[in-house]
Amino acid sequence: MTDVRETATGLPGAAIDLAEMAGRHRGHRHLLSIADLGAEGITDVLRLTDSFVEVSRRAIPKVPALRGKTVVSVFFEDSTRTRLSFETAARRLSADVMTFSASSSSLNKGESLKDTVQTIQAMGVDGLVVRHSGSGVPWQVAGWLDGPSVINAGDGWHEHPTQALLDCYTITRKLGLAPEAGLSGRRIAIVGDIRHSRVARSDVLAFTALGAEVTLVAPPTLLPPSLAGWPVSVSHDLDRVLPTLDVVYVLRLQRERMLEALLPSIREYTATYGLTRRRAALLEEDALIMHPGPVNRGVEIAAEVADQPGSVITAQVSNGVAVRMAVLFLLLGSGVDLAVA
């Protein structure tokens, strides 16, 4: 029988070499962008996530890794999956959790964002998980604070790094790949509202860093104004792309961010770019169907397709807790910092 002893953190001691991982990441404080990690950093998170998946399967899914630490969710936008996922992750690591509500805060009395986050810091917190509608706000927050780690939980149209990490983890696990193998040679299409999607930007960075071939599929009006520097190909023909894929990643139409008429109609968009049952039949049998949620069934994806065996949408949510446990542990619990501020 393999000797797998638990460390003081509650993690299986033989699962990973934390000292080796610490040496690679020492000196960094925040997770603001997936680009700061690089392929090796992403791989480290995926390796550590395996250990936290094991923790989550226990009868009591809790370890003392962050006992005595305080994590606060600072969300200025609505969120279900990301906020609850981070809070669950922190509690499973035995951290104390605080939740900030912008709608009932002193911001409504005229307090500035800077004063708000500095007030939170003064309460002795160790980590802030920040979501904001303004691109770049987590970078600002990190610059204003001296001590706490800042994790970007989504900023405007810009980035969502932990979503990209959980997507990478879900793909590697479902395709039976070791974290070290990366995604070399795998073909992934990201379909839909690329223009307004922070998930798309982080996923492109993460997937291509691990060696995947990424194709963006969208009408011209839903692509960014410039794709300079994006290591991707572009197609407007979803039917032609689908049979070639290992993964089709479907995005929600973010109508709340559309300030102008970018589509003739929702019906026409679904007819051309929706993952209907007919289109899903064009995929290879073992191809994965992904979506970051929330899902608009019948718009970007048919209800029956979202629930078919190739869909891993629920697994993405489940894996999100373990991935965020890994991120919080690396930043707050091991003496290791994860990414350059």
C-alpha atoms as a PDB file:
ATOM      1  CA  MET A   1       0.000   0.000   0.000  1.00  0.00           C
ATOM      2  CA  THR A   2       1.292   3.454  -0.901  1.00  0.00           C
ATOM      3  CA  ASP A   3       2.297   5.531   2.111  1.00  0.00           C
ATOM      4  CA  VAL A   4       0.428   8.811   1.738  1.00  0.00           C
ATOM      5  CA  ARG A   5       0.854  10.797   4.942  1.00  0.00           C
ATOM      6  CA  GLU A   6      -0.975  14.015   5.604  1.00  0.00           C
ATOM      7  CA  THR A   7       0.953  17.172   6.324  1.00  0.00           C
ATOM      8  CA  ALA A   8      -0.081  19.702   8.963  1.00  0.00           C
ATOM      9  CA  THR A   9      -2.236  21.347   6.289  1.00  0.00           C
ATOM     10  CA  GLY A  10      -4.391  18.233   5.983  1.00  0.00           C
ATOM     11  CA  LEU A  11      -3.190  17.558   2.443  1.00  0.00           C
ATOM     12  CA  PRO A  12      -1.779  14.189   1.393  1.00  0.00           C
ATOM     13  CA  GLY A  13       1.960  14.710   1.821  1.00  0.00           C
ATOM     14  CA  ALA A  14       2.921  12.418  -1.052  1.00  0.00           C
ATOM     15  CA  ALA A  15       0.574  13.994  -3.570  1.00  0.00           C
ATOM     16  CA  ILE A  16       2.711  17.025  -4.447  1.00  0.00           C
ATOM     17  CA  ASP A  17       6.047  18.573  -3.600  1.00  0.00           C
ATOM     18  CA  LEU A  18       5.033  21.864  -1.992  1.00  0.00           C
ATOM     19  CA  ALA A  19       8.630  22.882  -1.356  1.00  0.00           C
ATOM     20  CA  GLU A  20       9.443  22.559  -5.053  1.00  0.00           C
ATOM     21  CA  MET A  21       6.304  24.478  -5.976  1.00  0.00           C
ATOM     22  CA  ALA A  22       7.146  27.169  -3.430  1.00  0.00           C
ATOM     23  CA  GLY A  23      10.539  27.694  -4.990  1.00  0.00           C
ATOM     24  CA  ARG A  24       9.002  28.345  -8.382  1.00  0.00           C
ATOM     25  CA  HIS A  25       6.451  30.880  -7.160  1.00  0.00           C
ATOM     26  CA  ARG A  26       8.164  32.588  -4.245  1.00  0.00           C
ATOM     27  CA  GLY A  27       7.967  36.364  -4.176  1.00  0.00           C
ATOM     28  CA  HIS A  28       4.562  36.925  -5.791  1.00  0.00           C
ATOM     29  CA  ARG A  29       1.476  38.131  -3.934  1.00  0.00           C
ATOM     30  CA  HIS A  30      -1.631  38.250  -6.099  1.00  0.00           C
ATOM     31  CA  LEU A  31      -3.576  36.436  -8.820  1.00  0.00           C
ATOM     32  CA  LEU A  32      -4.695  39.164 -11.195  1.00  0.00           C
ATOM     33  CA  SER A  33      -4.147  37.703 -14.668  1.00  0.00           C
ATOM     34  CA  ILE A  34      -3.747  34.223 -16.103  1.00  0.00           C
ATOM     35  CA  ALA A  35      -0.848  35.615 -18.153  1.00  0.00           C
ATOM     36  CA  ASP A  36       1.282  35.997 -15.026  1.00  0.00           C
ATOM     37  CA  LEU A  37       1.270  32.257 -14.403  1.00  0.00           C
ATOM     38  CA  GLY A  38       2.600  30.882 -17.666  1.00  0.00           C
ATOM     39  CA  ALA A  39       2.319  27.206 -18.546  1.00  0.00           C
ATOM     40  CA  GLU A  40       4.333  26.046 -15.536  1.00  0.00           C
ATOM     41  CA  GLY A  41       2.266  28.081 -13.083  1.00  0.00           C
ATOM     42  CA  ILE A  42      -0.995  26.817 -14.548  1.00  0.00           C
ATOM     43  CA  THR A  43       0.306  23.249 -14.337  1.00  0.00           C
ATOM     44  CA  ASP A  44       1.221  23.734 -10.672  1.00  0.00           C
ATOM     45  CA  VAL A  45      -2.326  24.857  -9.883  1.00  0.00           C
ATOM     46  CA  LEU A  46      -3.766  21.860 -11.739  1.00  0.00           C
ATOM     47  CA  ARG A  47      -1.499  19.451  -9.850  1.00  0.00           C
ATOM     48  CA  LEU A  48      -2.460  20.951  -6.500  1.00  0.00           C
ATOM     49  CA  THR A  49      -6.148  20.877  -7.432  1.00  0.00           C
ATOM     50  CA  ASP A  50      -6.004  17.074  -7.585  1.00  0.00           C
ATOM     51  CA  SER A  51      -5.263  17.047  -3.844  1.00  0.00           C
ATOM     52  CA  PHE A  52      -8.196  19.317  -3.078  1.00  0.00           C
ATOM     53  CA  VAL A  53     -10.550  17.198  -5.191  1.00  0.00           C
ATOM     54  CA  GLU A  54      -9.579  14.343  -2.863  1.00  0.00           C
ATOM     55  CA  VAL A  55     -10.324  16.548   0.160  1.00  0.00           C
ATOM     56  CA  SER A  56     -13.747  17.457  -1.254  1.00  0.00           C
ATOM     57  CA  ARG A  57     -14.666  13.757  -1.482  1.00  0.00           C
ATOM     58  CA  ARG A  58     -14.137  13.168   2.242  1.00  0.00           C
ATOM     59  CA  ALA A  59     -17.072  12.725   4.608  1.00  0.00           C
ATOM     60  CA  ILE A  60     -15.970  15.962   6.248  1.00  0.00           C
ATOM     61  CA  PRO A  61     -14.470  17.979   3.355  1.00  0.00           C
ATOM     62  CA  LYS A  62     -12.327  20.262   5.450  1.00  0.00           C
ATOM     63  CA  VAL A  63      -8.621  20.765   6.202  1.00  0.00           C
ATOM     64  CA  PRO A  64      -6.884  23.216   8.578  1.00  0.00           C
ATOM     65  CA  ALA A  65      -4.662  24.753   5.904  1.00  0.00           C
ATOM     66  CA  LEU A  66      -5.932  28.344   6.346  1.00  0.00           C
ATOM     67  CA  ARG A  67      -6.926  28.248   9.990  1.00  0.00           C
ATOM     68  CA  GLY A  68      -6.479  31.746  11.420  1.00  0.00           C
ATOM     69  CA  LYS A  69      -6.645  33.416   7.998  1.00  0.00           C
ATOM     70  CA  THR A  70      -9.486  35.709   6.891  1.00  0.00           C
ATOM     71  CA  VAL A  71     -10.775  35.902   3.321  1.00  0.00           C
ATOM     72  CA  VAL A  72     -13.292  38.538   2.234  1.00  0.00           C
ATOM     73  CA  SER A  73     -15.457  38.464  -0.902  1.00  0.00           C
ATOM     74  CA  VAL A  74     -15.564  42.000  -2.333  1.00  0.00           C
ATOM     75  CA  PHE A  75     -18.115  41.763  -5.145  1.00  0.00           C
ATOM     76  CA  PHE A  76     -19.409  44.865  -6.914  1.00  0.00           C
ATOM     77  CA  GLU A  77     -21.269  42.758  -9.508  1.00  0.00           C
ATOM     78  CA  ASP A  78     -23.874  40.036  -9.107  1.00  0.00           C
ATOM     79  CA  SER A  79     -22.472  36.526  -8.926  1.00  0.00           C
ATOM     80  CA  THR A  80     -23.637  33.068  -7.923  1.00  0.00           C
ATOM     81  CA  ARG A  81     -21.034  30.522  -9.002  1.00  0.00           C
ATOM     82  CA  THR A  82     -17.838  32.472  -8.434  1.00  0.00           C
ATOM     83  CA  ARG A  83     -18.749  34.043  -5.094  1.00  0.00           C
ATOM     84  CA  LEU A  84     -20.192  30.863  -3.565  1.00  0.00           C
ATOM     85  CA  SER A  85     -17.311  28.826  -4.982  1.00  0.00           C
ATOM     86  CA  PHE A  86     -14.669  31.052  -3.368  1.00  0.00           C
ATOM     87  CA  GLU A  87     -16.525  31.184  -0.059  1.00  0.00           C
ATOM     88  CA  THR A  88     -16.949  27.400  -0.030  1.00  0.00           C
ATOM     89  CA  ALA A  89     -13.272  26.957  -0.891  1.00  0.00           C
ATOM     90  CA  ALA A  90     -12.162  29.243   1.929  1.00  0.00           C
ATOM     91  CA  ARG A  91     -14.375  27.503   4.486  1.00  0.00           C
ATOM     92  CA  ARG A  92     -13.130  24.073   3.442  1.00  0.00           C
ATOM     93  CA  LEU A  93      -9.625  25.371   4.150  1.00  0.00           C
ATOM     94  CA  SER A  94     -10.832  26.484   7.631  1.00  0.00           C
ATOM     95  CA  ALA A  95     -10.452  30.198   6.879  1.00  0.00           C
ATOM     96  CA  ASP A  96     -12.768  32.813   8.359  1.00  0.00           C
ATOM     97  CA  VAL A  97     -14.962  34.287   5.604  1.00  0.00           C
ATOM     98  CA  MET A  98     -16.408  37.788   5.334  1.00  0.00           C
ATOM     99  CA  THR A  99     -18.827  38.892   2.616  1.00  0.00           C
ATOM    100  CA  PHE A 100     -18.937  42.480   1.412  1.00  0.00           C
ATOM    101  CA  SER A 101     -22.195  43.723  -0.126  1.00  0.00           C
ATOM    102  CA  ALA A 102     -21.786  46.842  -2.264  1.00  0.00           C
ATOM    103  CA  SER A 103     -25.526  47.533  -2.247  1.00  0.00           C
ATOM    104  CA  SER A 104     -25.593  47.965   1.547  1.00  0.00           C
ATOM    105  CA  SER A 105     -22.151  49.515   2.030  1.00  0.00           C
ATOM    106  CA  SER A 106     -20.887  53.043   2.666  1.00  0.00           C
ATOM    107  CA  LEU A 107     -20.317  53.386  -1.059  1.00  0.00           C
ATOM    108  CA  ASN A 108     -23.952  54.488  -1.134  1.00  0.00           C
ATOM    109  CA  LYS A 109     -22.982  57.329   1.214  1.00  0.00           C
ATOM    110  CA  GLY A 110     -20.245  58.582  -1.087  1.00  0.00           C
ATOM    111  CA  GLU A 111     -17.270  56.601   0.194  1.00  0.00           C
ATOM    112  CA  SER A 112     -14.631  55.936  -2.473  1.00  0.00           C
ATOM    113  CA  LEU A 113     -13.578  52.489  -3.599  1.00  0.00           C
ATOM    114  CA  LYS A 114     -10.078  53.143  -2.255  1.00  0.00           C
ATOM    115  CA  ASP A 115     -11.364  54.060   1.190  1.00  0.00           C
ATOM    116  CA  THR A 116     -13.659  51.036   1.178  1.00  0.00           C
ATOM    117  CA  VAL A 117     -10.948  48.470   0.478  1.00  0.00           C
ATOM    118  CA  GLN A 118      -8.504  50.153   2.858  1.00  0.00           C
ATOM    119  CA  THR A 119     -11.188  49.945   5.562  1.00  0.00           C
ATOM    120  CA  ILE A 120     -11.529  46.242   4.853  1.00  0.00           C
ATOM    121  CA  GLN A 121      -7.739  45.829   5.063  1.00  0.00           C
ATOM    122  CA  ALA A 122      -7.723  47.601   8.447  1.00  0.00           C
ATOM    123  CA  MET A 123      -9.903  44.814   9.834  1.00  0.00           C
ATOM    124  CA  GLY A 124      -6.963  42.438   9.486  1.00  0.00           C
ATOM    125  CA  VAL A 125      -7.904  40.390   6.430  1.00  0.00           C
ATOM    126  CA  ASP A 126      -5.422  38.211   4.574  1.00  0.00           C
ATOM    127  CA  GLY A 127      -7.065  37.962   1.167  1.00  0.00           C
ATOM    128  CA  LEU A 128      -9.592  39.884  -0.927  1.00  0.00           C
ATOM    129  CA  VAL A 129     -11.505  38.227  -3.753  1.00  0.00           C
ATOM    130  CA  VAL A 130     -12.521  41.139  -5.984  1.00  0.00           C
ATOM    131  CA  ARG A 131     -15.107  41.339  -8.766  1.00  0.00           C
ATOM    132  CA  HIS A 132     -15.913  44.654 -10.431  1.00  0.00           C
ATOM    133  CA  SER A 133     -17.505  45.891 -13.651  1.00  0.00           C
ATOM    134  CA  GLY A 134     -14.499  48.101 -14.335  1.00  0.00           C
ATOM    135  CA  SER A 135     -11.569  46.550 -16.167  1.00  0.00           C
ATOM    136  CA  GLY A 136      -8.371  46.851 -14.163  1.00  0.00           C
ATOM    137  CA  VAL A 137      -9.972  47.451 -10.760  1.00  0.00           C
ATOM    138  CA  PRO A 138      -8.280  44.438  -9.067  1.00  0.00           C
ATOM    139  CA  TRP A 139      -4.897  45.894 -10.138  1.00  0.00           C
ATOM    140  CA  GLN A 140      -5.882  49.216  -8.530  1.00  0.00           C
ATOM    141  CA  VAL A 141      -6.944  47.476  -5.342  1.00  0.00           C
ATOM    142  CA  ALA A 142      -3.678  45.537  -5.181  1.00  0.00           C
ATOM    143  CA  GLY A 143      -1.773  48.824  -5.529  1.00  0.00           C
ATOM    144  CA  TRP A 144      -3.724  50.483  -2.721  1.00  0.00           C
ATOM    145  CA  LEU A 145      -3.208  47.689  -0.195  1.00  0.00           C
ATOM    146  CA  ASP A 146      -0.106  46.645   1.690  1.00  0.00           C
ATOM    147  CA  GLY A 147      -0.323  43.091   2.943  1.00  0.00           C
ATOM    148  CA  PRO A 148      -3.450  41.261   1.804  1.00  0.00           C
ATOM    149  CA  SER A 149      -3.413  39.180  -1.351  1.00  0.00           C
ATOM    150  CA  VAL A 150      -5.847  40.174  -4.099  1.00  0.00           C
ATOM    151  CA  ILE A 151      -7.541  37.646  -6.370  1.00  0.00           C
ATOM    152  CA  ASN A 152      -9.268  38.808  -9.534  1.00  0.00           C
ATOM    153  CA  ALA A 153     -12.731  37.222  -9.634  1.00  0.00           C
ATOM    154  CA  GLY A 154     -13.626  39.015 -12.869  1.00  0.00           C
ATOM    155  CA  ASP A 155     -13.012  42.592 -13.982  1.00  0.00           C
ATOM    156  CA  GLY A 156     -15.234  44.116 -16.633  1.00  0.00           C
ATOM    157  CA  TRP A 157     -14.627  42.641 -20.076  1.00  0.00           C
ATOM    158  CA  HIS A 158     -11.014  41.978 -19.204  1.00  0.00           C
ATOM    159  CA  GLU A 159     -10.151  38.749 -17.330  1.00  0.00           C
ATOM    160  CA  HIS A 160     -11.415  35.949 -15.112  1.00  0.00           C
ATOM    161  CA  PRO A 161      -8.306  33.904 -14.265  1.00  0.00           C
ATOM    162  CA  THR A 162      -9.777  31.324 -11.884  1.00  0.00           C
ATOM    163  CA  GLN A 163     -12.490  30.470 -14.431  1.00  0.00           C
ATOM    164  CA  ALA A 164      -9.723  29.721 -16.939  1.00  0.00           C
ATOM    165  CA  LEU A 165      -7.919  27.551 -14.384  1.00  0.00           C
ATOM    166  CA  LEU A 166     -11.029  25.506 -13.617  1.00  0.00           C
ATOM    167  CA  ASP A 167     -11.714  25.172 -17.348  1.00  0.00           C
ATOM    168  CA  CYS A 168      -8.192  23.842 -17.931  1.00  0.00           C
ATOM    169  CA  TYR A 169      -8.585  21.435 -15.041  1.00  0.00           C
ATOM    170  CA  THR A 170     -11.956  20.186 -16.299  1.00  0.00           C
ATOM    171  CA  ILE A 171     -10.610  19.580 -19.804  1.00  0.00           C
ATOM    172  CA  THR A 172      -7.491  17.729 -18.667  1.00  0.00           C
ATOM    173  CA  ARG A 173      -9.442  15.511 -16.255  1.00  0.00           C
ATOM    174  CA  LYS A 174     -12.269  14.728 -18.680  1.00  0.00           C
ATOM    175  CA  LEU A 175      -9.840  13.944 -21.512  1.00  0.00           C
ATOM    176  CA  GLY A 176      -7.729  11.795 -19.198  1.00  0.00           C
ATOM    177  CA  LEU A 177      -4.642  13.996 -19.472  1.00  0.00           C
ATOM    178  CA  ALA A 178      -1.979  14.461 -16.814  1.00  0.00           C
ATOM    179  CA  PRO A 179      -1.485  18.133 -15.824  1.00  0.00           C
ATOM    180  CA  GLU A 180       2.081  17.978 -17.139  1.00  0.00           C
ATOM    181  CA  ALA A 181       0.828  16.917 -20.570  1.00  0.00           C
ATOM    182  CA  GLY A 182      -0.880  20.250 -21.148  1.00  0.00           C
ATOM    183  CA  LEU A 183      -3.297  20.589 -24.056  1.00  0.00           C
ATOM    184  CA  SER A 184      -0.844  20.218 -26.920  1.00  0.00           C
ATOM    185  CA  GLY A 185      -2.600  19.429 -30.172  1.00  0.00           C
ATOM    186  CA  ARG A 186      -6.088  19.744 -28.691  1.00  0.00           C
ATOM    187  CA  ARG A 187      -8.557  21.781 -30.710  1.00  0.00           C
ATOM    188  CA  ILE A 188     -10.857  24.130 -28.838  1.00  0.00           C
ATOM    189  CA  ALA A 189     -13.457  26.523 -30.223  1.00  0.00           C
ATOM    190  CA  ILE A 190     -14.839  29.388 -28.151  1.00  0.00           C
ATOM    191  CA  VAL A 191     -18.232  30.307 -29.583  1.00  0.00           C
ATOM    192  CA  GLY A 192     -20.388  33.369 -29.123  1.00  0.00           C
ATOM    193  CA  ASP A 193     -20.039  36.754 -27.477  1.00  0.00           C
ATOM    194  CA  ILE A 194     -16.244  37.059 -27.450  1.00  0.00           C
ATOM    195  CA  ARG A 195     -16.387  40.849 -27.468  1.00  0.00           C
ATOM    196  CA  HIS A 196     -17.846  41.205 -23.969  1.00  0.00           C
ATOM    197  CA  SER A 197     -16.359  38.069 -22.403  1.00  0.00           C
ATOM    198  CA  ARG A 198     -13.641  38.184 -19.731  1.00  0.00           C
ATOM    199  CA  VAL A 199     -13.841  34.384 -19.673  1.00  0.00           C
ATOM    200  CA  ALA A 200     -12.868  34.201 -23.354  1.00  0.00           C
ATOM    201  CA  ARG A 201      -9.800  36.380 -22.810  1.00  0.00           C
ATOM    202  CA  SER A 202      -8.510  34.345 -19.878  1.00  0.00           C
ATOM    203  CA  ASP A 203      -9.327  31.043 -21.565  1.00  0.00           C
ATOM    204  CA  VAL A 204      -7.446  32.008 -24.730  1.00  0.00           C
ATOM    205  CA  LEU A 205      -4.378  32.843 -22.645  1.00  0.00           C
ATOM    206  CA  ALA A 206      -4.601  29.635 -20.619  1.00  0.00           C
ATOM    207  CA  PHE A 207      -5.491  27.207 -23.413  1.00  0.00           C
ATOM    208  CA  THR A 208      -2.797  28.470 -25.762  1.00  0.00           C
ATOM    209  CA  ALA A 209      -0.191  28.560 -22.966  1.00  0.00           C
ATOM    210  CA  LEU A 210      -0.843  24.836 -22.540  1.00  0.00           C
ATOM    211  CA  GLY A 211      -0.478  24.212 -26.283  1.00  0.00           C
ATOM    212  CA  ALA A 212      -4.078  24.076 -27.516  1.00  0.00           C
ATOM    213  CA  GLU A 213      -5.181  25.319 -30.926  1.00  0.00           C
ATOM    214  CA  VAL A 214      -7.968  27.842 -30.304  1.00  0.00           C
ATOM    215  CA  THR A 215     -10.569  29.057 -32.811  1.00  0.00           C
ATOM    216  CA  LEU A 216     -12.962  31.904 -32.088  1.00  0.00           C
ATOM    217  CA  VAL A 217     -16.366  31.474 -33.721  1.00  0.00           C
ATOM    218  CA  ALA A 218     -18.669  34.495 -33.708  1.00  0.00           C
ATOM    219  CA  PRO A 219     -20.329  37.082 -35.924  1.00  0.00           C
ATOM    220  CA  PRO A 220     -17.973  40.010 -36.677  1.00  0.00           C
ATOM    221  CA  THR A 221     -19.976  42.296 -34.369  1.00  0.00           C
ATOM    222  CA  LEU A 222     -19.282  40.035 -31.377  1.00  0.00           C
ATOM    223  CA  LEU A 223     -15.523  39.887 -31.877  1.00  0.00           C
ATOM    224  CA  PRO A 224     -13.186  42.395 -30.183  1.00  0.00           C
ATOM    225  CA  PRO A 225     -12.317  45.467 -32.280  1.00  0.00           C
ATOM    226  CA  SER A 226      -8.777  44.102 -32.575  1.00  0.00           C
ATOM    227  CA  LEU A 227      -7.379  40.602 -32.229  1.00  0.00           C
ATOM    228  CA  ALA A 228      -3.769  41.727 -32.534  1.00  0.00           C
ATOM    229  CA  GLY A 229      -1.656  39.537 -30.296  1.00  0.00           C
ATOM    230  CA  TRP A 230      -4.353  36.904 -29.830  1.00  0.00           C
ATOM    231  CA  PRO A 231      -2.825  33.501 -30.763  1.00  0.00           C
ATOM    232  CA  VAL A 232      -6.057  32.254 -32.327  1.00  0.00           C
ATOM    233  CA  SER A 233      -7.800  31.658 -35.626  1.00  0.00           C
ATOM    234  CA  VAL A 234     -11.255  33.044 -36.418  1.00  0.00           C
ATOM    235  CA  SER A 235     -14.234  31.481 -38.168  1.00  0.00           C
ATOM    236  CA  HIS A 236     -17.802  32.562 -38.837  1.00  0.00           C
ATOM    237  CA  ASP A 237     -18.938  29.044 -39.827  1.00  0.00           C
ATOM    238  CA  LEU A 238     -19.762  26.965 -36.741  1.00  0.00           C
ATOM    239  CA  ASP A 239     -20.981  23.960 -38.721  1.00  0.00           C
ATOM    240  CA  ARG A 240     -17.627  23.668 -40.459  1.00  0.00           C
ATOM    241  CA  VAL A 241     -15.594  23.927 -37.244  1.00  0.00           C
ATOM    242  CA  LEU A 242     -17.557  21.556 -34.990  1.00  0.00           C
ATOM    243  CA  PRO A 243     -16.439  18.199 -36.501  1.00  0.00           C
ATOM    244  CA  THR A 244     -12.765  19.096 -35.921  1.00  0.00           C
ATOM    245  CA  LEU A 245     -13.004  19.835 -32.189  1.00  0.00           C
ATOM    246  CA  ASP A 246     -12.033  18.234 -28.913  1.00  0.00           C
ATOM    247  CA  VAL A 247     -13.870  20.955 -26.972  1.00  0.00           C
ATOM    248  CA  VAL A 248     -16.608  23.429 -27.872  1.00  0.00           C
ATOM    249  CA  TYR A 249     -16.836  26.232 -25.326  1.00  0.00           C
ATOM    250  CA  VAL A 250     -20.120  28.149 -25.591  1.00  0.00           C
ATOM    251  CA  LEU A 251     -20.475  31.671 -24.207  1.00  0.00           C
ATOM    252  CA  ARG A 252     -23.565  33.503 -23.009  1.00  0.00           C
ATOM    253  CA  LEU A 253     -24.853  36.478 -24.960  1.00  0.00           C
ATOM    254  CA  GLN A 254     -24.139  39.304 -22.515  1.00  0.00           C
ATOM    255  CA  ARG A 255     -27.009  41.537 -23.517  1.00  0.00           C
ATOM    256  CA  GLU A 256     -26.605  43.639 -20.373  1.00  0.00           C
ATOM    257  CA  ARG A 257     -23.220  44.809 -21.722  1.00  0.00           C
ATOM    258  CA  MET A 258     -24.420  45.562 -25.248  1.00  0.00           C
ATOM    259  CA  LEU A 259     -24.847  49.308 -25.587  1.00  0.00           C
ATOM    260  CA  GLU A 260     -25.724  49.131 -29.278  1.00  0.00           C
ATOM    261  CA  ALA A 261     -27.573  46.834 -31.673  1.00  0.00           C
ATOM    262  CA  LEU A 262     -24.979  44.177 -32.506  1.00  0.00           C
ATOM    263  CA  LEU A 263     -27.346  41.457 -33.736  1.00  0.00           C
ATOM    264  CA  PRO A 264     -30.381  41.478 -36.054  1.00  0.00           C
ATOM    265  CA  SER A 265     -32.272  39.317 -33.556  1.00  0.00           C
ATOM    266  CA  ILE A 266     -31.753  36.638 -30.904  1.00  0.00           C
ATOM    267  CA  ARG A 267     -33.550  34.137 -33.132  1.00  0.00           C
ATOM    268  CA  GLU A 268     -31.153  34.759 -36.015  1.00  0.00           C
ATOM    269  CA  TYR A 269     -28.150  34.457 -33.672  1.00  0.00           C
ATOM    270  CA  THR A 270     -29.406  31.089 -32.399  1.00  0.00           C
ATOM    271  CA  ALA A 271     -30.033  29.879 -35.943  1.00  0.00           C
ATOM    272  CA  THR A 272     -26.450  30.696 -36.978  1.00  0.00           C
ATOM    273  CA  TYR A 273     -24.342  30.271 -33.835  1.00  0.00           C
ATOM    274  CA  GLY A 274     -26.471  28.375 -31.303  1.00  0.00           C
ATOM    275  CA  LEU A 275     -25.348  24.875 -30.326  1.00  0.00           C
ATOM    276  CA  THR A 276     -28.546  23.141 -31.367  1.00  0.00           C
ATOM    277  CA  ARG A 277     -29.174  19.414 -31.214  1.00  0.00           C
ATOM    278  CA  ARG A 278     -28.412  19.159 -34.938  1.00  0.00           C
ATOM    279  CA  ARG A 279     -25.093  20.942 -34.518  1.00  0.00           C
ATOM    280  CA  ALA A 280     -24.133  18.921 -31.442  1.00  0.00           C
ATOM    281  CA  ALA A 281     -24.504  15.803 -33.601  1.00  0.00           C
ATOM    282  CA  LEU A 282     -21.604  17.121 -35.745  1.00  0.00           C
ATOM    283  CA  LEU A 283     -19.192  16.774 -32.825  1.00  0.00           C
ATOM    284  CA  GLU A 284     -16.979  13.752 -32.322  1.00  0.00           C
ATOM    285  CA  GLU A 285     -18.444  11.314 -29.812  1.00  0.00           C
ATOM    286  CA  ASP A 286     -15.916  12.143 -27.078  1.00  0.00           C
ATOM    287  CA  ALA A 287     -15.885  15.925 -27.613  1.00  0.00           C
ATOM    288  CA  LEU A 288     -16.611  18.071 -24.563  1.00  0.00           C
ATOM    289  CA  ILE A 289     -19.300  20.770 -24.347  1.00  0.00           C
ATOM    290  CA  MET A 290     -18.530  23.607 -21.920  1.00  0.00           C
ATOM    291  CA  HIS A 291     -20.198  26.803 -20.718  1.00  0.00           C
ATOM    292  CA  PRO A 292     -19.135  29.178 -17.903  1.00  0.00           C
ATOM    293  CA  GLY A 293     -22.735  29.864 -16.811  1.00  0.00           C
ATOM    294  CA  PRO A 294     -25.256  31.169 -16.350  1.00  0.00           C
ATOM    295  CA  VAL A 295     -26.756  29.285 -19.278  1.00  0.00           C
ATOM    296  CA  ASN A 296     -29.463  30.807 -21.455  1.00  0.00           C
ATOM    297  CA  ARG A 297     -31.064  27.577 -22.625  1.00  0.00           C
ATOM    298  CA  GLY A 298     -32.538  27.831 -26.078  1.00  0.00           C
ATOM    299  CA  VAL A 299     -30.354  30.814 -27.009  1.00  0.00           C
ATOM    300  CA  GLU A 300     -26.652  29.898 -27.174  1.00  0.00           C
ATOM    301  CA  ILE A 301     -27.254  26.219 -26.386  1.00  0.00           C
ATOM    302  CA  ALA A 302     -30.267  23.922 -26.634  1.00  0.00           C
ATOM    303  CA  ALA A 303     -31.618  22.612 -23.325  1.00  0.00           C
ATOM    304  CA  GLU A 304     -31.127  18.972 -24.305  1.00  0.00           C
ATOM    305  CA  VAL A 305     -27.556  19.638 -25.458  1.00  0.00           C
ATOM    306  CA  ALA A 306     -26.660  21.263 -22.134  1.00  0.00           C
ATOM    307  CA  ASP A 307     -27.723  18.028 -20.419  1.00  0.00           C
ATOM    308  CA  GLN A 308     -26.293  15.435 -22.808  1.00  0.00           C
ATOM    309  CA  PRO A 309     -23.391  13.147 -21.756  1.00  0.00           C
ATOM    310  CA  GLY A 310     -20.695  15.235 -23.460  1.00  0.00           C
ATOM    311  CA  SER A 311     -21.653  18.302 -21.449  1.00  0.00           C
ATOM    312  CA  VAL A 312     -19.312  19.035 -18.519  1.00  0.00           C
ATOM    313  CA  ILE A 313     -21.010  22.238 -17.355  1.00  0.00           C
ATOM    314  CA  THR A 314     -21.825  20.840 -13.900  1.00  0.00           C
ATOM    315  CA  ALA A 315     -18.285  19.442 -13.577  1.00  0.00           C
ATOM    316  CA  GLN A 316     -16.917  22.933 -14.230  1.00  0.00           C
ATOM    317  CA  VAL A 317     -18.845  24.240 -11.218  1.00  0.00           C
ATOM    318  CA  SER A 318     -17.747  21.338  -9.026  1.00  0.00           C
ATOM    319  CA  ASN A 319     -14.102  21.669 -10.058  1.00  0.00           C
ATOM    320  CA  GLY A 320     -14.257  25.410  -9.398  1.00  0.00           C
ATOM    321  CA  VAL A 321     -14.279  24.838  -5.639  1.00  0.00           C
ATOM    322  CA  ALA A 322     -11.152  22.649  -5.700  1.00  0.00           C
ATOM    323  CA  VAL A 323      -9.313  25.002  -8.074  1.00  0.00           C
ATOM    324  CA  ARG A 324     -10.069  27.984  -5.850  1.00  0.00           C
ATOM    325  CA  MET A 325      -8.946  26.014  -2.811  1.00  0.00           C
ATOM    326  CA  ALA A 326      -5.628  25.513  -4.602  1.00  0.00           C
ATOM    327  CA  VAL A 327      -5.321  29.225  -5.411  1.00  0.00           C
ATOM    328  CA  LEU A 328      -6.162  30.318  -1.863  1.00  0.00           C
ATOM    329  CA  PHE A 329      -3.763  27.774  -0.405  1.00  0.00           C
ATOM    330  CA  LEU A 330      -0.891  28.862  -2.623  1.00  0.00           C
ATOM    331  CA  LEU A 331      -1.448  32.523  -1.824  1.00  0.00           C
ATOM    332  CA  LEU A 332      -2.280  32.355   1.868  1.00  0.00           C
ATOM    333  CA  GLY A 333      -1.412  28.986   3.310  1.00  0.00           C
ATOM    334  CA  SER A 334       1.933  27.726   2.116  1.00  0.00           C
ATOM    335  CA  GLY A 335       4.146  30.768   2.205  1.00  0.00           C
ATOM    336  CA  VAL A 336       3.910  30.672  -1.581  1.00  0.00           C
ATOM    337  CA  ASP A 337       2.679  33.586  -3.668  1.00  0.00           C
ATOM    338  CA  LEU A 338       1.091  32.819  -6.989  1.00  0.00           C
ATOM    339  CA  ALA A 339       1.365  35.583  -9.552  1.00  0.00           C
ATOM    340  CA  VAL A 340       3.098  38.883 -10.082  1.00  0.00           C
ATOM    341  CA  ALA A 341       1.042  41.933  -9.150  1.00  0.00           C
END
